[in-house]
Structures are given as structure tokens and as C-alpha cells.
Amino acid sequence: MKKQPTTHKQSVKAQIVTGLFIELASHPLSEIAIASLIKTAGVARASYYRNFNSKEDILNYYLDQLLNTNESPGMPTVWTRTDVTIKVTGIFQALEEEKDRFLLLFQSGLASYAFDYFSTFSSRNGIDNPFPWTDEYMPPFYSGALTSVLYHWLQTGANQPAADLAEHFISLLPDSFFVDQQ
């Protein structure tokens, strides 16, 4: 993940993210009260509401920052084996650094949230036509497979280097996934 200069607003957001994960360690997301979250995060109620509308917004922000998703709206995605391998390697490396938090999402009953995050990433970030596929089942297959492999890899100790796992993951996908293989 690229390090950017920390502004006060980014610092407050980081405090809120940290507070949420501290709370998640002992409470389900649905039971985390905003009052408890802001106390744990050490921020004012106004700071919370100035930055986030919901606990789900915090999770989206966290994953967006973690995966360095500063892509411009409308930016086309090139679905070649090489380009996708590079992107998937970056995802695996970023989540390996945040292993405990990513696993906590699953252990907190938020596995469906992680699946949904990956499957709705493009539409939430204004990226038009991110997938070159016409089959409506390809995007959920890809995002589900990616999330499942990530979880399994992290849960079993992430013993395989991220780049090797990304190459292996990409090798398991059919040629029809890639514009240079069709």
C-alpha cells in the first residue's frame, strides 16, 4: 500500500477504523454501539459523523485504503493474465499485511461482507464495464473464488508467498476470463 502524507482527517479515520476492529474482537458488528465505538476510537461523535455514515462505511473505507483503490472512475480494466496477476498479487500482499483484521471479518460473521465488497467494488467506485465477460455468473465466481482463496491462505498461515499464490490462483481460472486468451 502506498504511504501518503497523513492529514488530520486521515488520522481520525484511521482511529475510527482501529476502534471498529477493537470492538469487533469482542462484539458482533450489529451490537457495536456508535457511542462505544467513538469511545474506543478516542474521537468525538461529530468526528465520527463527519467521516462516516455507518459502520459499513468504515469497513468500505478500510478495504479501499488497504487495497489502494484510487482508480479513476471510468478507467478500463485490462483483463490479461499478466495484468490480473499483478493486481491479484497486490491484493494478496495488502491483505497479508492486515491478516489479523481480515480474518477478524470472517470470524465476526462478516464473510458475506468481504464477498460483497469484492463483488461490488467496480460499481461502488464508478468503474464502467470492469469485466470483459458477458456471462452474468463470471463476476460472482471470480470475486467468490478470490475471497475464498484469500481467507484459506491467511487462515492456514499464509506460508506461500503472495506472488506465488497469485500466479497459482490465476492459473486455476479458465482462459475465457482473459482477453488475451480468448
N, C-alpha and C. Protein backbone atom coordinates (compact mmCIF):
# COMPACT_ATOMS: atom_id res chain seq x y z
N MET A 1 0.84 -1.17 0.00
CA MET A 1 0.00 0.00 0.00
C MET A 1 0.88 1.24 0.00
N LYS A 2 0.57 2.20 -0.86
CA LYS A 2 1.33 3.43 -0.92
C LYS A 2 1.08 4.25 0.33
N LYS A 3 2.16 4.77 0.90
CA LYS A 3 2.02 5.64 2.06
C LYS A 3 1.85 7.06 1.56
N GLN A 4 0.81 7.73 2.03
CA GLN A 4 0.56 9.11 1.67
C GLN A 4 0.70 9.93 2.93
N PRO A 5 1.00 11.22 2.76
CA PRO A 5 1.09 12.06 3.95
C PRO A 5 -0.21 11.98 4.73
N THR A 6 -0.08 11.84 6.03
CA THR A 6 -1.27 11.72 6.88
C THR A 6 -1.80 13.10 7.21
N THR A 7 -3.04 13.33 6.86
CA THR A 7 -3.70 14.57 7.25
C THR A 7 -4.48 14.28 8.51
N HIS A 8 -4.97 15.33 9.13
CA HIS A 8 -5.76 15.14 10.36
C HIS A 8 -6.99 14.28 10.08
N LYS A 9 -7.67 14.53 8.94
CA LYS A 9 -8.87 13.76 8.62
C LYS A 9 -8.52 12.29 8.43
N GLN A 10 -7.41 11.98 7.76
CA GLN A 10 -7.00 10.59 7.58
C GLN A 10 -6.68 9.96 8.93
N SER A 11 -6.08 10.72 9.81
CA SER A 11 -5.74 10.21 11.14
C SER A 11 -7.01 9.87 11.93
N VAL A 12 -8.00 10.73 11.87
CA VAL A 12 -9.27 10.47 12.57
C VAL A 12 -9.92 9.22 11.98
N LYS A 13 -9.92 9.11 10.67
CA LYS A 13 -10.50 7.93 10.03
C LYS A 13 -9.76 6.67 10.47
N ALA A 14 -8.44 6.74 10.53
CA ALA A 14 -7.64 5.59 10.96
C ALA A 14 -7.98 5.22 12.41
N GLN A 15 -8.18 6.21 13.26
CA GLN A 15 -8.56 5.94 14.65
C GLN A 15 -9.91 5.24 14.71
N ILE A 16 -10.84 5.67 13.87
CA ILE A 16 -12.17 5.06 13.86
C ILE A 16 -12.09 3.63 13.34
N VAL A 17 -11.29 3.41 12.31
CA VAL A 17 -11.11 2.04 11.79
C VAL A 17 -10.53 1.16 12.89
N THR A 18 -9.49 1.63 13.55
CA THR A 18 -8.88 0.85 14.63
C THR A 18 -9.89 0.57 15.73
N GLY A 19 -10.66 1.58 16.09
CA GLY A 19 -11.69 1.39 17.11
C GLY A 19 -12.70 0.34 16.72
N LEU A 20 -13.10 0.35 15.45
CA LEU A 20 -14.07 -0.65 14.99
C LEU A 20 -13.50 -2.05 15.11
N PHE A 21 -12.25 -2.25 14.71
CA PHE A 21 -11.67 -3.59 14.80
C PHE A 21 -11.46 -4.02 16.25
N ILE A 22 -11.16 -3.10 17.13
CA ILE A 22 -11.05 -3.44 18.55
C ILE A 22 -12.42 -3.92 19.05
N GLU A 23 -13.46 -3.20 18.68
CA GLU A 23 -14.82 -3.58 19.08
C GLU A 23 -15.22 -4.92 18.46
N LEU A 24 -14.86 -5.13 17.18
CA LEU A 24 -15.21 -6.39 16.51
C LEU A 24 -14.59 -7.61 17.18
N ALA A 25 -13.48 -7.40 17.84
CA ALA A 25 -12.81 -8.52 18.51
C ALA A 25 -13.67 -9.11 19.64
N SER A 26 -14.62 -8.30 20.14
CA SER A 26 -15.43 -8.81 21.25
C SER A 26 -16.94 -8.68 21.04
N HIS A 27 -17.36 -8.04 19.95
CA HIS A 27 -18.79 -7.86 19.71
C HIS A 27 -19.11 -8.03 18.22
N PRO A 28 -20.28 -8.60 17.91
CA PRO A 28 -20.71 -8.63 16.51
C PRO A 28 -20.94 -7.18 16.02
N LEU A 29 -20.77 -6.97 14.74
CA LEU A 29 -20.93 -5.63 14.16
C LEU A 29 -22.28 -5.02 14.54
N SER A 30 -23.33 -5.82 14.48
CA SER A 30 -24.67 -5.30 14.76
C SER A 30 -24.84 -4.85 16.22
N GLU A 31 -24.00 -5.32 17.11
CA GLU A 31 -24.11 -4.96 18.52
C GLU A 31 -23.16 -3.85 18.94
N ILE A 32 -22.36 -3.36 18.01
CA ILE A 32 -21.42 -2.28 18.35
C ILE A 32 -22.17 -0.96 18.29
N ALA A 33 -22.31 -0.34 19.45
CA ALA A 33 -22.98 0.96 19.53
C ALA A 33 -22.01 2.05 19.09
N ILE A 34 -22.53 3.05 18.42
CA ILE A 34 -21.69 4.17 17.97
C ILE A 34 -21.01 4.82 19.18
N ALA A 35 -21.72 4.96 20.28
CA ALA A 35 -21.13 5.56 21.49
C ALA A 35 -19.91 4.76 21.96
N SER A 36 -20.02 3.45 21.93
CA SER A 36 -18.91 2.60 22.32
C SER A 36 -17.75 2.71 21.32
N LEU A 37 -18.10 2.74 20.06
CA LEU A 37 -17.08 2.84 19.01
C LEU A 37 -16.29 4.14 19.12
N ILE A 38 -16.97 5.26 19.30
CA ILE A 38 -16.23 6.53 19.37
C ILE A 38 -15.40 6.62 20.65
N LYS A 39 -15.88 6.00 21.72
CA LYS A 39 -15.09 5.97 22.96
C LYS A 39 -13.83 5.14 22.74
N THR A 40 -13.97 3.97 22.14
CA THR A 40 -12.82 3.11 21.86
C THR A 40 -11.86 3.78 20.89
N ALA A 41 -12.39 4.48 19.90
CA ALA A 41 -11.55 5.15 18.90
C ALA A 41 -10.91 6.42 19.43
N GLY A 42 -11.48 6.97 20.49
CA GLY A 42 -10.94 8.20 21.06
C GLY A 42 -11.21 9.42 20.20
N VAL A 43 -12.40 9.44 19.58
CA VAL A 43 -12.78 10.59 18.74
C VAL A 43 -14.13 11.13 19.22
N ALA A 44 -14.42 12.33 18.80
CA ALA A 44 -15.70 12.95 19.15
C ALA A 44 -16.80 12.39 18.26
N ARG A 45 -18.01 12.42 18.76
CA ARG A 45 -19.17 11.95 17.98
C ARG A 45 -19.25 12.71 16.65
N ALA A 46 -19.01 14.01 16.68
CA ALA A 46 -19.06 14.81 15.45
C ALA A 46 -18.01 14.34 14.45
N SER A 47 -16.85 13.95 14.95
CA SER A 47 -15.79 13.44 14.05
C SER A 47 -16.22 12.16 13.37
N TYR A 48 -16.90 11.31 14.12
CA TYR A 48 -17.40 10.08 13.53
C TYR A 48 -18.36 10.41 12.38
N TYR A 49 -19.38 11.22 12.68
CA TYR A 49 -20.41 11.52 11.68
C TYR A 49 -19.91 12.40 10.54
N ARG A 50 -18.85 13.15 10.78
CA ARG A 50 -18.25 13.95 9.71
C ARG A 50 -17.54 13.04 8.69
N ASN A 51 -17.11 11.87 9.14
CA ASN A 51 -16.33 10.98 8.29
C ASN A 51 -17.08 9.77 7.77
N PHE A 52 -18.06 9.28 8.53
CA PHE A 52 -18.74 8.04 8.15
C PHE A 52 -20.24 8.15 8.42
N ASN A 53 -21.02 7.43 7.60
CA ASN A 53 -22.46 7.37 7.81
C ASN A 53 -22.88 6.09 8.51
N SER A 54 -22.00 5.08 8.49
CA SER A 54 -22.36 3.79 9.08
C SER A 54 -21.09 2.99 9.37
N LYS A 55 -21.28 1.91 10.10
CA LYS A 55 -20.16 1.01 10.38
C LYS A 55 -19.69 0.34 9.08
N GLU A 56 -20.63 0.10 8.18
CA GLU A 56 -20.27 -0.50 6.89
C GLU A 56 -19.41 0.46 6.07
N ASP A 57 -19.67 1.77 6.18
CA ASP A 57 -18.83 2.76 5.51
C ASP A 57 -17.39 2.68 6.02
N ILE A 58 -17.25 2.41 7.31
CA ILE A 58 -15.90 2.28 7.89
C ILE A 58 -15.19 1.09 7.24
N LEU A 59 -15.90 -0.03 7.13
CA LEU A 59 -15.29 -1.21 6.52
C LEU A 59 -14.94 -0.96 5.05
N ASN A 60 -15.83 -0.29 4.31
CA ASN A 60 -15.53 0.04 2.91
C ASN A 60 -14.30 0.93 2.82
N TYR A 61 -14.25 1.95 3.66
CA TYR A 61 -13.10 2.86 3.67
C TYR A 61 -11.82 2.07 3.96
N TYR A 62 -11.87 1.25 4.99
CA TYR A 62 -10.69 0.46 5.37
C TYR A 62 -10.20 -0.39 4.20
N LEU A 63 -11.10 -1.15 3.59
CA LEU A 63 -10.68 -2.03 2.49
C LEU A 63 -10.23 -1.22 1.28
N ASP A 64 -10.92 -0.11 0.98
CA ASP A 64 -10.50 0.74 -0.13
C ASP A 64 -9.08 1.28 0.10
N GLN A 65 -8.81 1.74 1.31
CA GLN A 65 -7.47 2.26 1.62
C GLN A 65 -6.43 1.15 1.58
N LEU A 66 -6.78 0.02 2.14
CA LEU A 66 -5.88 -1.12 2.18
C LEU A 66 -5.49 -1.57 0.78
N LEU A 67 -6.47 -1.61 -0.09
CA LEU A 67 -6.22 -2.11 -1.44
C LEU A 67 -5.85 -0.98 -2.41
N ASN A 68 -5.61 0.21 -1.85
CA ASN A 68 -5.13 1.35 -2.63
C ASN A 68 -6.00 1.58 -3.86
N THR A 69 -7.26 1.80 -3.64
CA THR A 69 -8.22 1.88 -4.74
C THR A 69 -8.46 3.31 -5.18
N ASN A 70 -7.44 3.93 -5.63
CA ASN A 70 -7.58 5.30 -6.11
C ASN A 70 -7.71 5.35 -7.62
N GLU A 71 -8.37 4.34 -8.20
CA GLU A 71 -8.55 4.32 -9.64
C GLU A 71 -9.59 5.36 -10.03
N SER A 72 -9.37 5.95 -11.18
CA SER A 72 -10.29 6.97 -11.67
C SER A 72 -11.58 6.33 -12.16
N PRO A 73 -12.72 6.99 -11.93
CA PRO A 73 -13.97 6.47 -12.48
C PRO A 73 -13.86 6.34 -14.00
N GLY A 74 -14.42 5.27 -14.51
CA GLY A 74 -14.40 5.04 -15.94
C GLY A 74 -13.11 4.44 -16.47
N MET A 75 -12.14 4.25 -15.61
CA MET A 75 -10.86 3.69 -16.03
C MET A 75 -11.04 2.22 -16.42
N PRO A 76 -10.72 1.86 -17.66
CA PRO A 76 -10.94 0.47 -18.08
C PRO A 76 -9.97 -0.49 -17.40
N THR A 77 -10.45 -1.67 -17.13
CA THR A 77 -9.63 -2.72 -16.56
C THR A 77 -9.17 -3.61 -17.70
N VAL A 78 -7.89 -3.86 -17.77
CA VAL A 78 -7.34 -4.73 -18.81
C VAL A 78 -7.25 -6.13 -18.24
N TRP A 79 -8.01 -7.06 -18.79
CA TRP A 79 -8.08 -8.41 -18.27
C TRP A 79 -7.17 -9.36 -19.03
N THR A 80 -5.87 -9.11 -18.93
CA THR A 80 -4.89 -10.06 -19.47
C THR A 80 -4.37 -10.86 -18.28
N ARG A 81 -3.84 -12.04 -18.53
CA ARG A 81 -3.30 -12.85 -17.43
C ARG A 81 -2.23 -12.08 -16.65
N THR A 82 -1.36 -11.39 -17.36
CA THR A 82 -0.27 -10.66 -16.71
C THR A 82 -0.82 -9.54 -15.83
N ASP A 83 -1.72 -8.72 -16.37
CA ASP A 83 -2.25 -7.60 -15.59
C ASP A 83 -3.05 -8.07 -14.37
N VAL A 84 -3.84 -9.10 -14.55
CA VAL A 84 -4.64 -9.60 -13.43
C VAL A 84 -3.73 -10.24 -12.38
N THR A 85 -2.69 -10.92 -12.80
CA THR A 85 -1.74 -11.50 -11.84
C THR A 85 -1.10 -10.40 -11.00
N ILE A 86 -0.73 -9.31 -11.62
CA ILE A 86 -0.12 -8.18 -10.90
C ILE A 86 -1.12 -7.62 -9.89
N LYS A 87 -2.37 -7.40 -10.32
CA LYS A 87 -3.39 -6.85 -9.41
C LYS A 87 -3.69 -7.81 -8.26
N VAL A 88 -3.83 -9.08 -8.56
CA VAL A 88 -4.14 -10.06 -7.52
C VAL A 88 -2.97 -10.19 -6.55
N THR A 89 -1.75 -10.13 -7.05
CA THR A 89 -0.58 -10.16 -6.17
C THR A 89 -0.64 -8.99 -5.19
N GLY A 90 -0.99 -7.81 -5.69
CA GLY A 90 -1.12 -6.63 -4.81
C GLY A 90 -2.20 -6.82 -3.76
N ILE A 91 -3.31 -7.41 -4.13
CA ILE A 91 -4.39 -7.67 -3.18
C ILE A 91 -3.91 -8.65 -2.11
N PHE A 92 -3.26 -9.72 -2.53
CA PHE A 92 -2.77 -10.72 -1.57
C PHE A 92 -1.74 -10.10 -0.63
N GLN A 93 -0.83 -9.29 -1.17
CA GLN A 93 0.20 -8.68 -0.32
C GLN A 93 -0.43 -7.72 0.69
N ALA A 94 -1.37 -6.92 0.25
CA ALA A 94 -2.02 -5.96 1.15
C ALA A 94 -2.77 -6.69 2.27
N LEU A 95 -3.48 -7.75 1.92
CA LEU A 95 -4.24 -8.46 2.94
C LEU A 95 -3.36 -9.31 3.84
N GLU A 96 -2.22 -9.73 3.32
CA GLU A 96 -1.28 -10.45 4.18
C GLU A 96 -0.78 -9.53 5.29
N GLU A 97 -0.52 -8.27 4.96
CA GLU A 97 -0.08 -7.29 5.96
C GLU A 97 -1.16 -7.03 7.01
N GLU A 98 -2.41 -7.22 6.63
CA GLU A 98 -3.54 -6.98 7.52
C GLU A 98 -4.25 -8.27 7.88
N LYS A 99 -3.49 -9.35 7.93
CA LYS A 99 -4.04 -10.69 8.15
C LYS A 99 -5.02 -10.75 9.32
N ASP A 100 -4.62 -10.23 10.46
CA ASP A 100 -5.47 -10.33 11.65
C ASP A 100 -6.82 -9.65 11.46
N ARG A 101 -6.80 -8.48 10.85
CA ARG A 101 -8.06 -7.76 10.64
C ARG A 101 -8.94 -8.47 9.61
N PHE A 102 -8.34 -8.95 8.52
CA PHE A 102 -9.15 -9.63 7.50
C PHE A 102 -9.76 -10.90 8.07
N LEU A 103 -8.97 -11.67 8.82
CA LEU A 103 -9.51 -12.88 9.44
C LEU A 103 -10.60 -12.53 10.45
N LEU A 104 -10.43 -11.42 11.15
CA LEU A 104 -11.44 -11.00 12.12
C LEU A 104 -12.78 -10.73 11.44
N LEU A 105 -12.74 -10.21 10.21
CA LEU A 105 -14.00 -10.01 9.48
C LEU A 105 -14.75 -11.33 9.35
N PHE A 106 -14.03 -12.38 8.98
CA PHE A 106 -14.65 -13.70 8.82
C PHE A 106 -15.08 -14.27 10.16
N GLN A 107 -14.22 -14.16 11.15
CA GLN A 107 -14.53 -14.72 12.46
C GLN A 107 -15.67 -13.97 13.15
N SER A 108 -15.93 -12.75 12.71
CA SER A 108 -17.02 -11.95 13.27
C SER A 108 -18.33 -12.14 12.52
N GLY A 109 -18.35 -13.13 11.64
CA GLY A 109 -19.56 -13.39 10.88
C GLY A 109 -19.75 -12.45 9.70
N LEU A 110 -18.67 -11.80 9.27
CA LEU A 110 -18.77 -10.84 8.18
C LEU A 110 -18.17 -11.36 6.88
N ALA A 111 -18.13 -12.67 6.72
CA ALA A 111 -17.61 -13.25 5.47
C ALA A 111 -18.42 -12.75 4.28
N SER A 112 -19.73 -12.68 4.45
CA SER A 112 -20.57 -12.22 3.34
C SER A 112 -20.24 -10.76 3.00
N TYR A 113 -19.84 -9.99 4.00
CA TYR A 113 -19.44 -8.60 3.73
C TYR A 113 -18.20 -8.57 2.84
N ALA A 114 -17.21 -9.41 3.15
CA ALA A 114 -16.00 -9.46 2.33
C ALA A 114 -16.32 -9.89 0.90
N PHE A 115 -17.17 -10.90 0.75
CA PHE A 115 -17.57 -11.34 -0.58
C PHE A 115 -18.27 -10.20 -1.32
N ASP A 116 -19.18 -9.53 -0.63
CA ASP A 116 -19.92 -8.43 -1.25
C ASP A 116 -18.99 -7.28 -1.62
N TYR A 117 -18.02 -6.99 -0.78
CA TYR A 117 -17.07 -5.91 -1.07
C TYR A 117 -16.38 -6.16 -2.41
N PHE A 118 -15.86 -7.37 -2.58
CA PHE A 118 -15.14 -7.66 -3.82
C PHE A 118 -16.07 -7.71 -5.03
N SER A 119 -17.30 -8.18 -4.83
CA SER A 119 -18.20 -8.29 -5.98
C SER A 119 -18.81 -6.95 -6.38
N THR A 120 -18.86 -5.98 -5.48
CA THR A 120 -19.45 -4.68 -5.81
C THR A 120 -18.41 -3.58 -5.94
N PHE A 121 -17.15 -3.94 -5.85
CA PHE A 121 -16.08 -2.94 -5.89
C PHE A 121 -16.20 -2.01 -7.10
N SER A 122 -16.33 -2.57 -8.28
CA SER A 122 -16.35 -1.77 -9.50
C SER A 122 -17.52 -0.80 -9.53
N SER A 123 -18.70 -1.28 -9.22
CA SER A 123 -19.87 -0.40 -9.28
C SER A 123 -19.79 0.70 -8.21
N ARG A 124 -19.27 0.38 -7.03
CA ARG A 124 -19.15 1.39 -5.97
C ARG A 124 -18.11 2.45 -6.31
N ASN A 125 -17.12 2.09 -7.11
CA ASN A 125 -16.05 3.02 -7.44
C ASN A 125 -16.19 3.62 -8.83
N GLY A 126 -17.35 3.45 -9.45
CA GLY A 126 -17.62 4.09 -10.72
C GLY A 126 -16.80 3.58 -11.89
N ILE A 127 -16.34 2.35 -11.80
CA ILE A 127 -15.55 1.78 -12.89
C ILE A 127 -16.50 1.09 -13.86
N ASP A 128 -16.59 1.62 -15.06
CA ASP A 128 -17.50 1.09 -16.07
C ASP A 128 -16.96 -0.18 -16.69
N ASN A 129 -17.85 -1.12 -16.90
CA ASN A 129 -17.52 -2.37 -17.59
C ASN A 129 -16.17 -2.96 -17.16
N PRO A 130 -16.03 -3.27 -15.88
CA PRO A 130 -14.74 -3.77 -15.41
C PRO A 130 -14.42 -5.17 -15.90
N PHE A 131 -15.45 -5.95 -16.24
CA PHE A 131 -15.22 -7.33 -16.63
C PHE A 131 -15.52 -7.50 -18.12
N PRO A 132 -14.69 -8.24 -18.82
CA PRO A 132 -14.92 -8.44 -20.25
C PRO A 132 -15.90 -9.57 -20.55
N TRP A 133 -16.60 -10.06 -19.53
CA TRP A 133 -17.43 -11.24 -19.68
C TRP A 133 -18.89 -10.86 -19.90
N THR A 134 -19.56 -11.66 -20.67
CA THR A 134 -21.00 -11.46 -20.85
C THR A 134 -21.79 -12.42 -19.96
N ASP A 135 -21.15 -13.46 -19.47
CA ASP A 135 -21.80 -14.42 -18.58
C ASP A 135 -21.99 -13.78 -17.21
N GLU A 136 -23.23 -13.64 -16.78
CA GLU A 136 -23.53 -12.98 -15.51
C GLU A 136 -22.97 -13.69 -14.28
N TYR A 137 -22.56 -14.94 -14.43
CA TYR A 137 -22.03 -15.70 -13.28
C TYR A 137 -20.52 -15.57 -13.12
N MET A 138 -19.85 -15.02 -14.10
CA MET A 138 -18.40 -14.88 -14.01
C MET A 138 -17.96 -13.92 -12.90
N PRO A 139 -18.55 -12.71 -12.79
CA PRO A 139 -18.11 -11.82 -11.70
C PRO A 139 -18.28 -12.41 -10.31
N PRO A 140 -19.44 -13.01 -9.97
CA PRO A 140 -19.53 -13.59 -8.63
C PRO A 140 -18.61 -14.79 -8.45
N PHE A 141 -18.36 -15.54 -9.52
CA PHE A 141 -17.42 -16.66 -9.43
C PHE A 141 -16.03 -16.14 -9.12
N TYR A 142 -15.59 -15.13 -9.84
CA TYR A 142 -14.26 -14.56 -9.64
C TYR A 142 -14.12 -13.98 -8.24
N SER A 143 -15.07 -13.11 -7.84
CA SER A 143 -14.94 -12.47 -6.53
C SER A 143 -15.08 -13.49 -5.40
N GLY A 144 -15.93 -14.49 -5.58
CA GLY A 144 -16.07 -15.54 -4.56
C GLY A 144 -14.82 -16.39 -4.44
N ALA A 145 -14.26 -16.75 -5.58
CA ALA A 145 -13.03 -17.56 -5.58
C ALA A 145 -11.89 -16.77 -4.95
N LEU A 146 -11.77 -15.50 -5.33
CA LEU A 146 -10.69 -14.66 -4.80
C LEU A 146 -10.80 -14.54 -3.28
N THR A 147 -11.99 -14.25 -2.79
CA THR A 147 -12.19 -14.09 -1.35
C THR A 147 -11.95 -15.40 -0.61
N SER A 148 -12.43 -16.51 -1.16
CA SER A 148 -12.24 -17.82 -0.51
C SER A 148 -10.78 -18.22 -0.45
N VAL A 149 -10.07 -18.01 -1.53
CA VAL A 149 -8.64 -18.35 -1.55
C VAL A 149 -7.87 -17.46 -0.57
N LEU A 150 -8.18 -16.17 -0.55
CA LEU A 150 -7.53 -15.27 0.41
C LEU A 150 -7.75 -15.75 1.84
N TYR A 151 -8.98 -16.04 2.17
CA TYR A 151 -9.30 -16.47 3.53
C TYR A 151 -8.56 -17.77 3.89
N HIS A 152 -8.62 -18.74 3.01
CA HIS A 152 -7.95 -20.01 3.28
C HIS A 152 -6.45 -19.82 3.46
N TRP A 153 -5.86 -19.05 2.59
CA TRP A 153 -4.41 -18.79 2.64
C TRP A 153 -4.03 -18.12 3.96
N LEU A 154 -4.77 -17.10 4.36
CA LEU A 154 -4.45 -16.40 5.60
C LEU A 154 -4.73 -17.26 6.83
N GLN A 155 -5.83 -17.99 6.78
CA GLN A 155 -6.21 -18.84 7.91
C GLN A 155 -5.19 -19.96 8.15
N THR A 156 -4.58 -20.44 7.08
CA THR A 156 -3.61 -21.54 7.22
C THR A 156 -2.18 -21.04 7.37
N GLY A 157 -2.00 -19.74 7.63
CA GLY A 157 -0.68 -19.22 7.94
C GLY A 157 0.01 -18.45 6.84
N ALA A 158 -0.59 -18.30 5.69
CA ALA A 158 0.00 -17.55 4.57
C ALA A 158 1.44 -17.98 4.32
N ASN A 159 1.65 -19.30 4.27
CA ASN A 159 3.00 -19.83 4.12
C ASN A 159 3.56 -19.70 2.71
N GLN A 160 2.67 -19.59 1.74
CA GLN A 160 3.09 -19.45 0.34
C GLN A 160 3.26 -17.95 0.05
N PRO A 161 4.34 -17.55 -0.62
CA PRO A 161 4.49 -16.13 -0.95
C PRO A 161 3.30 -15.63 -1.77
N ALA A 162 2.91 -14.39 -1.52
CA ALA A 162 1.74 -13.80 -2.18
C ALA A 162 1.84 -13.88 -3.71
N ALA A 163 3.00 -13.60 -4.26
CA ALA A 163 3.17 -13.64 -5.72
C ALA A 163 2.97 -15.06 -6.26
N ASP A 164 3.47 -16.06 -5.54
CA ASP A 164 3.29 -17.45 -5.97
C ASP A 164 1.82 -17.85 -5.91
N LEU A 165 1.15 -17.44 -4.84
CA LEU A 165 -0.26 -17.77 -4.72
C LEU A 165 -1.07 -17.08 -5.81
N ALA A 166 -0.75 -15.83 -6.10
CA ALA A 166 -1.47 -15.11 -7.16
C ALA A 166 -1.30 -15.83 -8.50
N GLU A 167 -0.09 -16.24 -8.81
CA GLU A 167 0.14 -16.98 -10.06
C GLU A 167 -0.66 -18.28 -10.08
N HIS A 168 -0.67 -18.97 -8.95
CA HIS A 168 -1.43 -20.22 -8.87
C HIS A 168 -2.93 -19.95 -9.03
N PHE A 169 -3.43 -18.94 -8.34
CA PHE A 169 -4.84 -18.58 -8.43
C PHE A 169 -5.22 -18.27 -9.88
N ILE A 170 -4.42 -17.47 -10.55
CA ILE A 170 -4.70 -17.10 -11.94
C ILE A 170 -4.64 -18.33 -12.84
N SER A 171 -3.74 -19.26 -12.53
CA SER A 171 -3.63 -20.47 -13.37
C SER A 171 -4.88 -21.35 -13.25
N LEU A 172 -5.62 -21.22 -12.16
CA LEU A 172 -6.84 -22.00 -11.97
C LEU A 172 -8.04 -21.44 -12.73
N LEU A 173 -7.95 -20.20 -13.13
CA LEU A 173 -9.05 -19.56 -13.85
C LEU A 173 -9.04 -19.99 -15.31
N PRO A 174 -10.22 -20.16 -15.89
CA PRO A 174 -10.27 -20.57 -17.30
C PRO A 174 -9.79 -19.47 -18.24
N ASP A 175 -9.32 -19.87 -19.41
CA ASP A 175 -8.85 -18.91 -20.41
C ASP A 175 -9.91 -17.86 -20.74
N SER A 176 -11.17 -18.24 -20.65
CA SER A 176 -12.25 -17.31 -21.00
C SER A 176 -12.30 -16.08 -20.09
N PHE A 177 -11.58 -16.09 -18.98
CA PHE A 177 -11.50 -14.94 -18.09
C PHE A 177 -10.65 -13.83 -18.68
N PHE A 178 -9.77 -14.14 -19.58
CA PHE A 178 -8.74 -13.18 -20.01
C PHE A 178 -8.88 -12.82 -21.48
N VAL A 179 -8.78 -11.54 -21.76
CA VAL A 179 -8.95 -11.06 -23.13
C VAL A 179 -7.82 -11.55 -24.06
N ASP A 180 -6.67 -11.84 -23.48
CA ASP A 180 -5.55 -12.30 -24.31
C ASP A 180 -5.55 -13.82 -24.50
N GLN A 181 -6.53 -14.52 -23.94
CA GLN A 181 -6.59 -15.97 -24.04
C GLN A 181 -7.83 -16.47 -24.78
N GLN A 182 -8.72 -15.56 -25.12
CA GLN A 182 -10.00 -15.97 -25.72
C GLN A 182 -9.84 -16.28 -27.20
